[in-house]
Amino acid sequence: MKKKEFTITEDLLASKGQRFANYIIDVIIIYILIIIVTFVVTIVSIALDSTEIIERLKNIGTLETYLIFFSIMIPYYTLFEAKSSRTIGKFISKTMVVMEDGSKPDLGTSLKRTLCRIIPFEIFSFLSSDGRGWHDTIPNIYVVKKEDFERERELFYSFEEIGTSQES
């Protein structure tokens, strides 16, 4: 008899409101990190008596702004989601990212998901009926309600154990 595998069902998915809250919170956190990095760079420049860096920061262009944003965003999402399946926004909204079988995404999958966020017009991919964006569908990741997911997964595997022990 083939062992049944756990899969994510629609009732476990985070709501569009939770997803939007995650986005807003995480963008705020990324901007706070950018401010902290800029502050540290400024302090170091002052300590080294190097005004060139400060002048460069004052005259930063659009391309450089995007590069700075992405240089903070990519490690933020990738490392948080690979390590804990959650960003700060997901901690607050009690959601998490998982693979279709309920496992935690690895570093490569998390990086792939994060890079998909950079696709132009990716934000409009959320207008689909299931509310999953390209950064979810391309790496086949789901954002789920943490408590519901953990309860369902535990229940699923406890029934699997009962079935396995009765077959023996």
N, C-alpha and C. Protein backbone atom coordinates (compact mmCIF):
# COMPACT_ATOMS: atom_id res chain seq x y z
N MET A 1 0.85 -1.19 0.00
CA MET A 1 0.00 0.00 0.00
C MET A 1 0.88 1.24 0.00
N LYS A 2 0.61 2.16 -0.94
CA LYS A 2 1.39 3.39 -1.06
C LYS A 2 1.05 4.35 0.07
N LYS A 3 2.12 4.90 0.66
CA LYS A 3 1.93 5.85 1.76
C LYS A 3 1.44 7.19 1.20
N LYS A 4 0.39 7.73 1.79
CA LYS A 4 -0.20 9.00 1.38
C LYS A 4 0.69 10.15 1.86
N GLU A 5 0.87 11.17 1.01
CA GLU A 5 1.70 12.32 1.37
C GLU A 5 0.83 13.52 1.73
N PHE A 6 1.32 14.29 2.68
CA PHE A 6 0.65 15.52 3.10
C PHE A 6 0.74 16.54 1.97
N THR A 7 -0.34 17.24 1.71
CA THR A 7 -0.33 18.32 0.72
C THR A 7 -1.06 19.54 1.28
N ILE A 8 -0.70 20.68 0.77
CA ILE A 8 -1.31 21.94 1.19
C ILE A 8 -2.69 22.05 0.54
N THR A 9 -3.68 22.35 1.35
CA THR A 9 -5.04 22.55 0.84
C THR A 9 -5.39 24.03 0.91
N GLU A 10 -6.41 24.41 0.15
CA GLU A 10 -6.79 25.82 0.03
C GLU A 10 -7.14 26.46 1.38
N ASP A 11 -7.73 25.68 2.29
CA ASP A 11 -8.13 26.24 3.59
C ASP A 11 -6.94 26.61 4.47
N LEU A 12 -5.74 26.14 4.12
CA LEU A 12 -4.54 26.47 4.90
C LEU A 12 -3.86 27.75 4.41
N LEU A 13 -4.21 28.19 3.20
CA LEU A 13 -3.55 29.35 2.61
C LEU A 13 -3.83 30.64 3.38
N ALA A 14 -2.82 31.48 3.47
CA ALA A 14 -2.98 32.79 4.09
C ALA A 14 -3.92 33.63 3.23
N SER A 15 -4.65 34.50 3.89
CA SER A 15 -5.59 35.37 3.17
C SER A 15 -4.83 36.45 2.41
N LYS A 16 -5.51 37.08 1.46
CA LYS A 16 -4.89 38.19 0.72
C LYS A 16 -4.55 39.33 1.67
N GLY A 17 -5.36 39.53 2.70
CA GLY A 17 -5.08 40.56 3.70
C GLY A 17 -3.80 40.26 4.47
N GLN A 18 -3.61 39.01 4.85
CA GLN A 18 -2.38 38.63 5.54
C GLN A 18 -1.18 38.80 4.62
N ARG A 19 -1.35 38.42 3.36
CA ARG A 19 -0.26 38.56 2.39
C ARG A 19 0.11 40.03 2.20
N PHE A 20 -0.89 40.90 2.13
CA PHE A 20 -0.64 42.33 1.96
C PHE A 20 0.06 42.89 3.21
N ALA A 21 -0.38 42.47 4.38
CA ALA A 21 0.27 42.90 5.63
C ALA A 21 1.73 42.45 5.66
N ASN A 22 1.98 41.20 5.24
CA ASN A 22 3.37 40.72 5.16
C ASN A 22 4.21 41.64 4.29
N TYR A 23 3.68 41.98 3.13
CA TYR A 23 4.40 42.82 2.18
C TYR A 23 4.72 44.19 2.80
N ILE A 24 3.72 44.83 3.36
CA ILE A 24 3.91 46.18 3.94
C ILE A 24 4.94 46.13 5.08
N ILE A 25 4.78 45.18 5.99
CA ILE A 25 5.70 45.08 7.13
C ILE A 25 7.12 44.80 6.65
N ASP A 26 7.27 43.86 5.72
CA ASP A 26 8.61 43.52 5.24
C ASP A 26 9.27 44.67 4.49
N VAL A 27 8.51 45.42 3.71
CA VAL A 27 9.08 46.59 3.01
C VAL A 27 9.53 47.64 4.03
N ILE A 28 8.74 47.84 5.07
CA ILE A 28 9.13 48.79 6.13
C ILE A 28 10.43 48.33 6.79
N ILE A 29 10.53 47.03 7.09
CA ILE A 29 11.74 46.49 7.71
C ILE A 29 12.94 46.67 6.79
N ILE A 30 12.75 46.42 5.49
CA ILE A 30 13.86 46.59 4.54
C ILE A 30 14.31 48.05 4.51
N TYR A 31 13.38 48.99 4.52
CA TYR A 31 13.77 50.40 4.55
C TYR A 31 14.48 50.77 5.84
N ILE A 32 14.04 50.20 6.94
CA ILE A 32 14.74 50.44 8.23
C ILE A 32 16.17 49.91 8.15
N LEU A 33 16.34 48.72 7.55
CA LEU A 33 17.69 48.17 7.38
C LEU A 33 18.55 49.06 6.49
N ILE A 34 17.95 49.61 5.44
CA ILE A 34 18.69 50.52 4.56
C ILE A 34 19.14 51.76 5.33
N ILE A 35 18.26 52.29 6.16
CA ILE A 35 18.60 53.46 6.98
C ILE A 35 19.74 53.13 7.94
N ILE A 36 19.67 51.96 8.55
CA ILE A 36 20.73 51.55 9.49
C ILE A 36 22.07 51.41 8.76
N VAL A 37 22.06 50.74 7.60
CA VAL A 37 23.30 50.58 6.82
C VAL A 37 23.84 51.94 6.40
N THR A 38 22.98 52.82 5.94
CA THR A 38 23.41 54.16 5.53
C THR A 38 24.00 54.92 6.71
N PHE A 39 23.37 54.80 7.87
CA PHE A 39 23.87 55.46 9.08
C PHE A 39 25.26 54.94 9.44
N VAL A 40 25.44 53.61 9.41
CA VAL A 40 26.73 53.01 9.75
C VAL A 40 27.80 53.46 8.75
N VAL A 41 27.46 53.45 7.46
CA VAL A 41 28.41 53.88 6.43
C VAL A 41 28.79 55.36 6.66
N THR A 42 27.82 56.17 7.01
CA THR A 42 28.09 57.59 7.27
C THR A 42 29.00 57.76 8.48
N ILE A 43 28.73 57.04 9.55
CA ILE A 43 29.56 57.12 10.77
C ILE A 43 31.00 56.68 10.46
N VAL A 44 31.13 55.58 9.74
CA VAL A 44 32.47 55.10 9.38
C VAL A 44 33.18 56.13 8.50
N SER A 45 32.46 56.72 7.56
CA SER A 45 33.06 57.75 6.69
C SER A 45 33.55 58.94 7.50
N ILE A 46 32.76 59.37 8.45
CA ILE A 46 33.15 60.49 9.31
C ILE A 46 34.38 60.10 10.14
N ALA A 47 34.36 58.89 10.69
CA ALA A 47 35.49 58.43 11.50
C ALA A 47 36.77 58.34 10.68
N LEU A 48 36.64 57.98 9.42
CA LEU A 48 37.82 57.87 8.54
C LEU A 48 38.13 59.19 7.83
N ASP A 49 37.34 60.22 8.15
CA ASP A 49 37.50 61.54 7.54
C ASP A 49 37.45 61.46 6.01
N SER A 50 36.46 60.69 5.53
CA SER A 50 36.28 60.48 4.10
C SER A 50 34.93 61.05 3.67
N THR A 51 34.97 62.24 3.10
CA THR A 51 33.72 62.89 2.71
C THR A 51 33.21 62.42 1.35
N GLU A 52 34.04 61.70 0.58
CA GLU A 52 33.62 61.24 -0.75
C GLU A 52 32.39 60.33 -0.66
N ILE A 53 32.39 59.43 0.30
CA ILE A 53 31.27 58.48 0.44
C ILE A 53 30.00 59.23 0.81
N ILE A 54 30.10 60.18 1.72
CA ILE A 54 28.93 60.96 2.13
C ILE A 54 28.39 61.76 0.93
N GLU A 55 29.27 62.37 0.16
CA GLU A 55 28.85 63.11 -1.03
C GLU A 55 28.19 62.17 -2.04
N ARG A 56 28.73 60.98 -2.19
CA ARG A 56 28.16 60.00 -3.12
C ARG A 56 26.75 59.60 -2.68
N LEU A 57 26.57 59.41 -1.37
CA LEU A 57 25.24 59.06 -0.84
C LEU A 57 24.24 60.19 -1.07
N LYS A 58 24.69 61.43 -0.99
CA LYS A 58 23.79 62.57 -1.21
C LYS A 58 23.32 62.65 -2.66
N ASN A 59 24.14 62.19 -3.58
CA ASN A 59 23.85 62.32 -5.01
C ASN A 59 23.53 60.97 -5.66
N ILE A 60 22.92 60.11 -4.93
CA ILE A 60 22.64 58.76 -5.43
C ILE A 60 21.54 58.79 -6.49
N GLY A 61 21.70 57.98 -7.54
CA GLY A 61 20.74 57.95 -8.64
C GLY A 61 19.71 56.84 -8.47
N THR A 62 18.78 56.78 -9.42
CA THR A 62 17.70 55.80 -9.37
C THR A 62 18.22 54.37 -9.44
N LEU A 63 19.14 54.11 -10.37
CA LEU A 63 19.69 52.76 -10.51
C LEU A 63 20.39 52.33 -9.22
N GLU A 64 21.15 53.23 -8.64
CA GLU A 64 21.85 52.92 -7.39
C GLU A 64 20.87 52.68 -6.24
N THR A 65 19.78 53.44 -6.25
CA THR A 65 18.74 53.24 -5.23
C THR A 65 18.17 51.83 -5.32
N TYR A 66 17.86 51.40 -6.56
CA TYR A 66 17.36 50.03 -6.75
C TYR A 66 18.39 49.00 -6.32
N LEU A 67 19.64 49.22 -6.67
CA LEU A 67 20.69 48.27 -6.31
C LEU A 67 20.83 48.14 -4.78
N ILE A 68 20.75 49.26 -4.10
CA ILE A 68 20.83 49.23 -2.63
C ILE A 68 19.62 48.49 -2.06
N PHE A 69 18.43 48.80 -2.59
CA PHE A 69 17.21 48.13 -2.11
C PHE A 69 17.32 46.61 -2.31
N PHE A 70 17.72 46.20 -3.52
CA PHE A 70 17.81 44.76 -3.80
C PHE A 70 18.93 44.09 -3.02
N SER A 71 20.01 44.83 -2.73
CA SER A 71 21.11 44.24 -1.97
C SER A 71 20.72 43.98 -0.51
N ILE A 72 19.70 44.64 -0.04
CA ILE A 72 19.16 44.37 1.30
C ILE A 72 18.00 43.38 1.21
N MET A 73 17.13 43.56 0.22
CA MET A 73 15.93 42.73 0.07
C MET A 73 16.27 41.26 -0.17
N ILE A 74 17.20 41.00 -1.08
CA ILE A 74 17.49 39.60 -1.45
C ILE A 74 17.98 38.78 -0.25
N PRO A 75 18.99 39.25 0.49
CA PRO A 75 19.38 38.45 1.66
C PRO A 75 18.30 38.40 2.74
N TYR A 76 17.55 39.49 2.91
CA TYR A 76 16.49 39.52 3.93
C TYR A 76 15.49 38.38 3.70
N TYR A 77 14.86 38.36 2.53
CA TYR A 77 13.86 37.33 2.26
C TYR A 77 14.48 35.94 2.19
N THR A 78 15.59 35.82 1.48
CA THR A 78 16.20 34.51 1.27
C THR A 78 16.62 33.86 2.58
N LEU A 79 17.35 34.58 3.40
CA LEU A 79 17.86 34.00 4.64
C LEU A 79 16.76 33.73 5.66
N PHE A 80 15.85 34.69 5.83
CA PHE A 80 14.75 34.48 6.78
C PHE A 80 13.89 33.29 6.38
N GLU A 81 13.52 33.22 5.10
CA GLU A 81 12.61 32.15 4.67
C GLU A 81 13.29 30.80 4.61
N ALA A 82 14.59 30.77 4.30
CA ALA A 82 15.30 29.49 4.29
C ALA A 82 15.55 28.98 5.71
N LYS A 83 15.82 29.90 6.62
CA LYS A 83 16.14 29.52 8.00
C LYS A 83 14.90 29.18 8.81
N SER A 84 13.88 30.04 8.74
CA SER A 84 12.73 29.86 9.65
C SER A 84 11.39 29.76 8.93
N SER A 85 11.39 29.81 7.60
CA SER A 85 10.16 29.81 6.80
C SER A 85 9.33 31.08 7.03
N ARG A 86 9.92 32.08 7.67
CA ARG A 86 9.16 33.27 8.00
C ARG A 86 10.04 34.52 7.97
N THR A 87 9.47 35.60 7.47
CA THR A 87 10.10 36.91 7.59
C THR A 87 9.47 37.58 8.82
N ILE A 88 9.90 38.78 9.13
CA ILE A 88 9.31 39.49 10.27
C ILE A 88 7.83 39.73 10.02
N GLY A 89 7.46 40.08 8.79
CA GLY A 89 6.05 40.26 8.46
C GLY A 89 5.24 38.99 8.70
N LYS A 90 5.81 37.85 8.35
CA LYS A 90 5.12 36.57 8.55
C LYS A 90 5.05 36.19 10.03
N PHE A 91 6.05 36.56 10.81
CA PHE A 91 5.97 36.34 12.26
C PHE A 91 4.79 37.11 12.84
N ILE A 92 4.64 38.36 12.43
CA ILE A 92 3.58 39.21 12.95
C ILE A 92 2.20 38.72 12.50
N SER A 93 2.08 38.30 11.24
CA SER A 93 0.77 37.87 10.73
C SER A 93 0.49 36.38 10.98
N LYS A 94 1.42 35.70 11.62
CA LYS A 94 1.27 34.27 11.95
C LYS A 94 1.09 33.42 10.70
N THR A 95 1.95 33.70 9.70
CA THR A 95 1.96 32.91 8.48
C THR A 95 3.38 32.38 8.27
N MET A 96 3.53 31.48 7.31
CA MET A 96 4.84 30.93 6.99
C MET A 96 4.85 30.41 5.57
N VAL A 97 6.04 30.20 5.00
CA VAL A 97 6.16 29.62 3.68
C VAL A 97 6.55 28.15 3.79
N VAL A 98 5.91 27.34 2.95
CA VAL A 98 6.21 25.90 2.93
C VAL A 98 6.14 25.40 1.49
N MET A 99 6.76 24.26 1.27
CA MET A 99 6.66 23.58 -0.01
C MET A 99 5.30 22.88 -0.07
N GLU A 100 4.95 22.34 -1.22
CA GLU A 100 3.65 21.69 -1.41
C GLU A 100 3.44 20.53 -0.44
N ASP A 101 4.52 19.84 -0.08
CA ASP A 101 4.42 18.69 0.84
C ASP A 101 4.50 19.11 2.31
N GLY A 102 4.58 20.41 2.56
CA GLY A 102 4.62 20.92 3.93
C GLY A 102 6.02 21.09 4.48
N SER A 103 7.03 20.76 3.70
CA SER A 103 8.40 20.90 4.18
C SER A 103 8.86 22.35 4.05
N LYS A 104 9.94 22.65 4.75
CA LYS A 104 10.52 23.99 4.74
C LYS A 104 11.33 24.15 3.45
N PRO A 105 11.22 25.31 2.77
CA PRO A 105 12.02 25.52 1.56
C PRO A 105 13.51 25.60 1.89
N ASP A 106 14.33 25.07 1.00
CA ASP A 106 15.78 25.16 1.21
C ASP A 106 16.29 26.51 0.73
N LEU A 107 17.58 26.74 0.88
CA LEU A 107 18.17 28.03 0.53
C LEU A 107 18.00 28.35 -0.95
N GLY A 108 18.22 27.37 -1.81
CA GLY A 108 18.08 27.59 -3.26
C GLY A 108 16.66 27.95 -3.65
N THR A 109 15.69 27.27 -3.08
CA THR A 109 14.28 27.56 -3.38
C THR A 109 13.90 28.94 -2.85
N SER A 110 14.40 29.28 -1.67
CA SER A 110 14.12 30.60 -1.10
C SER A 110 14.73 31.71 -1.95
N LEU A 111 15.94 31.47 -2.46
CA LEU A 111 16.58 32.45 -3.34
C LEU A 111 15.80 32.59 -4.64
N LYS A 112 15.37 31.47 -5.20
CA LYS A 112 14.57 31.50 -6.44
C LYS A 112 13.29 32.31 -6.21
N ARG A 113 12.63 32.09 -5.08
CA ARG A 113 11.41 32.82 -4.75
C ARG A 113 11.69 34.32 -4.64
N THR A 114 12.79 34.66 -3.97
CA THR A 114 13.13 36.06 -3.79
C THR A 114 13.46 36.73 -5.12
N LEU A 115 14.20 36.05 -5.98
CA LEU A 115 14.54 36.63 -7.28
C LEU A 115 13.29 36.82 -8.15
N CYS A 116 12.30 35.97 -7.97
CA CYS A 116 11.04 36.12 -8.71
C CYS A 116 10.30 37.41 -8.31
N ARG A 117 10.55 37.91 -7.12
CA ARG A 117 9.93 39.16 -6.68
C ARG A 117 10.39 40.35 -7.51
N ILE A 118 11.54 40.20 -8.19
CA ILE A 118 12.12 41.30 -8.96
C ILE A 118 11.52 41.36 -10.37
N ILE A 119 10.80 40.34 -10.79
CA ILE A 119 10.19 40.32 -12.12
C ILE A 119 9.27 41.54 -12.26
N PRO A 120 9.47 42.32 -13.35
CA PRO A 120 8.58 43.47 -13.53
C PRO A 120 7.11 43.04 -13.59
N PHE A 121 6.26 43.79 -12.97
CA PHE A 121 4.82 43.57 -12.92
C PHE A 121 4.43 42.32 -12.11
N GLU A 122 5.37 41.76 -11.36
CA GLU A 122 5.07 40.57 -10.55
C GLU A 122 3.94 40.85 -9.56
N ILE A 123 3.86 42.07 -9.08
CA ILE A 123 2.83 42.45 -8.11
C ILE A 123 1.42 42.19 -8.65
N PHE A 124 1.25 42.30 -9.97
CA PHE A 124 -0.07 42.08 -10.57
C PHE A 124 -0.43 40.60 -10.67
N SER A 125 0.54 39.73 -10.47
CA SER A 125 0.25 38.29 -10.52
C SER A 125 -0.63 37.86 -9.35
N PHE A 126 -0.78 38.71 -8.35
CA PHE A 126 -1.64 38.39 -7.21
C PHE A 126 -3.12 38.56 -7.54
N LEU A 127 -3.42 39.08 -8.70
CA LEU A 127 -4.81 39.29 -9.08
C LEU A 127 -5.49 38.00 -9.53
N SER A 128 -4.74 36.90 -9.59
CA SER A 128 -5.35 35.61 -9.95
C SER A 128 -6.32 35.18 -8.85
N SER A 129 -7.16 34.23 -9.17
CA SER A 129 -8.21 33.82 -8.23
C SER A 129 -7.66 33.22 -6.93
N ASP A 130 -6.53 32.51 -7.00
CA ASP A 130 -6.00 31.89 -5.78
C ASP A 130 -5.10 32.83 -4.98
N GLY A 131 -4.79 34.01 -5.54
CA GLY A 131 -4.01 35.00 -4.80
C GLY A 131 -2.55 34.64 -4.64
N ARG A 132 -2.07 33.68 -5.41
CA ARG A 132 -0.65 33.31 -5.37
C ARG A 132 0.07 34.05 -6.48
N GLY A 133 1.14 34.73 -6.10
CA GLY A 133 1.93 35.47 -7.08
C GLY A 133 2.95 34.57 -7.75
N TRP A 134 3.61 35.13 -8.76
CA TRP A 134 4.64 34.37 -9.47
C TRP A 134 5.74 33.91 -8.53
N HIS A 135 6.05 34.74 -7.51
CA HIS A 135 7.11 34.32 -6.60
C HIS A 135 6.68 33.15 -5.71
N ASP A 136 5.40 32.79 -5.78
CA ASP A 136 4.90 31.56 -5.13
C ASP A 136 4.83 30.42 -6.14
N THR A 137 4.25 30.69 -7.29
CA THR A 137 3.97 29.61 -8.25
C THR A 137 5.22 29.11 -8.96
N ILE A 138 6.17 29.98 -9.26
CA ILE A 138 7.38 29.53 -9.98
C ILE A 138 8.19 28.55 -9.12
N PRO A 139 8.47 28.85 -7.84
CA PRO A 139 9.19 27.86 -7.02
C PRO A 139 8.27 26.85 -6.33
N ASN A 140 6.96 26.95 -6.60
CA ASN A 140 5.95 26.06 -6.01
C ASN A 140 5.96 26.10 -4.48
N ILE A 141 5.82 27.32 -3.97
CA ILE A 141 5.79 27.57 -2.52
C ILE A 141 4.40 28.11 -2.16
N TYR A 142 4.00 27.83 -0.93
CA TYR A 142 2.71 28.29 -0.43
C TYR A 142 2.92 29.11 0.83
N VAL A 143 2.13 30.17 0.99
CA VAL A 143 2.12 30.92 2.25
C VAL A 143 0.86 30.47 2.98
N VAL A 144 1.07 29.91 4.18
CA VAL A 144 -0.02 29.31 4.93
C VAL A 144 -0.16 29.96 6.29
N LYS A 145 -1.35 29.76 6.88
CA LYS A 145 -1.58 30.19 8.25
C LYS A 145 -0.86 29.18 9.15
N LYS A 146 0.09 29.65 9.91
CA LYS A 146 1.00 28.78 10.66
C LYS A 146 0.27 27.82 11.59
N GLU A 147 -0.61 28.33 12.42
CA GLU A 147 -1.28 27.47 13.41
C GLU A 147 -2.16 26.42 12.73
N ASP A 148 -2.92 26.82 11.72
CA ASP A 148 -3.77 25.87 10.99
C ASP A 148 -2.92 24.81 10.30
N PHE A 149 -1.84 25.25 9.67
CA PHE A 149 -0.94 24.33 8.98
C PHE A 149 -0.36 23.30 9.94
N GLU A 150 0.18 23.76 11.05
CA GLU A 150 0.81 22.83 12.01
C GLU A 150 -0.20 21.85 12.59
N ARG A 151 -1.41 22.33 12.87
CA ARG A 151 -2.46 21.44 13.39
C ARG A 151 -2.83 20.38 12.36
N GLU A 152 -3.05 20.80 11.10
CA GLU A 152 -3.42 19.85 10.04
C GLU A 152 -2.31 18.85 9.76
N ARG A 153 -1.08 19.31 9.75
CA ARG A 153 0.05 18.41 9.48
C ARG A 153 0.20 17.39 10.60
N GLU A 154 0.07 17.85 11.84
CA GLU A 154 0.18 16.94 12.99
C GLU A 154 -0.94 15.91 12.95
N LEU A 155 -2.15 16.35 12.65
CA LEU A 155 -3.29 15.44 12.56
C LEU A 155 -3.09 14.43 11.42
N PHE A 156 -2.61 14.89 10.29
CA PHE A 156 -2.37 14.02 9.14
C PHE A 156 -1.38 12.92 9.51
N TYR A 157 -0.25 13.29 10.10
CA TYR A 157 0.78 12.31 10.42
C TYR A 157 0.38 11.41 11.58
N SER A 158 -0.47 11.89 12.50
CA SER A 158 -0.93 11.00 13.56
C SER A 158 -1.87 9.94 12.99
N PHE A 159 -2.69 10.30 12.00
CA PHE A 159 -3.54 9.30 11.34
C PHE A 159 -2.70 8.32 10.53
N GLU A 160 -1.62 8.81 9.91
CA GLU A 160 -0.72 7.93 9.16
C GLU A 160 -0.07 6.91 10.09
N GLU A 161 0.31 7.35 11.31
CA GLU A 161 0.92 6.43 12.29
C GLU A 161 -0.08 5.37 12.71
N ILE A 162 -1.33 5.77 12.92
CA ILE A 162 -2.37 4.81 13.31
C ILE A 162 -2.54 3.77 12.21
N GLY A 163 -2.61 4.22 10.95
CA GLY A 163 -2.77 3.31 9.83
C GLY A 163 -1.58 2.36 9.69
N THR A 164 -0.37 2.87 9.91
CA THR A 164 0.83 2.06 9.80
C THR A 164 0.89 1.02 10.90
N SER A 165 0.53 1.41 12.14
CA SER A 165 0.60 0.46 13.25
C SER A 165 -0.47 -0.62 13.15
N GLN A 166 -1.60 -0.32 12.54
CA GLN A 166 -2.65 -1.33 12.39
C GLN A 166 -2.33 -2.32 11.28
N GLU A 167 -1.52 -1.90 10.28
CA GLU A 167 -1.14 -2.79 9.20
C GLU A 167 -0.12 -3.82 9.65
N SER A 168 0.64 -3.52 10.68
CA SER A 168 1.73 -4.41 11.14
C SER A 168 1.22 -5.67 11.76
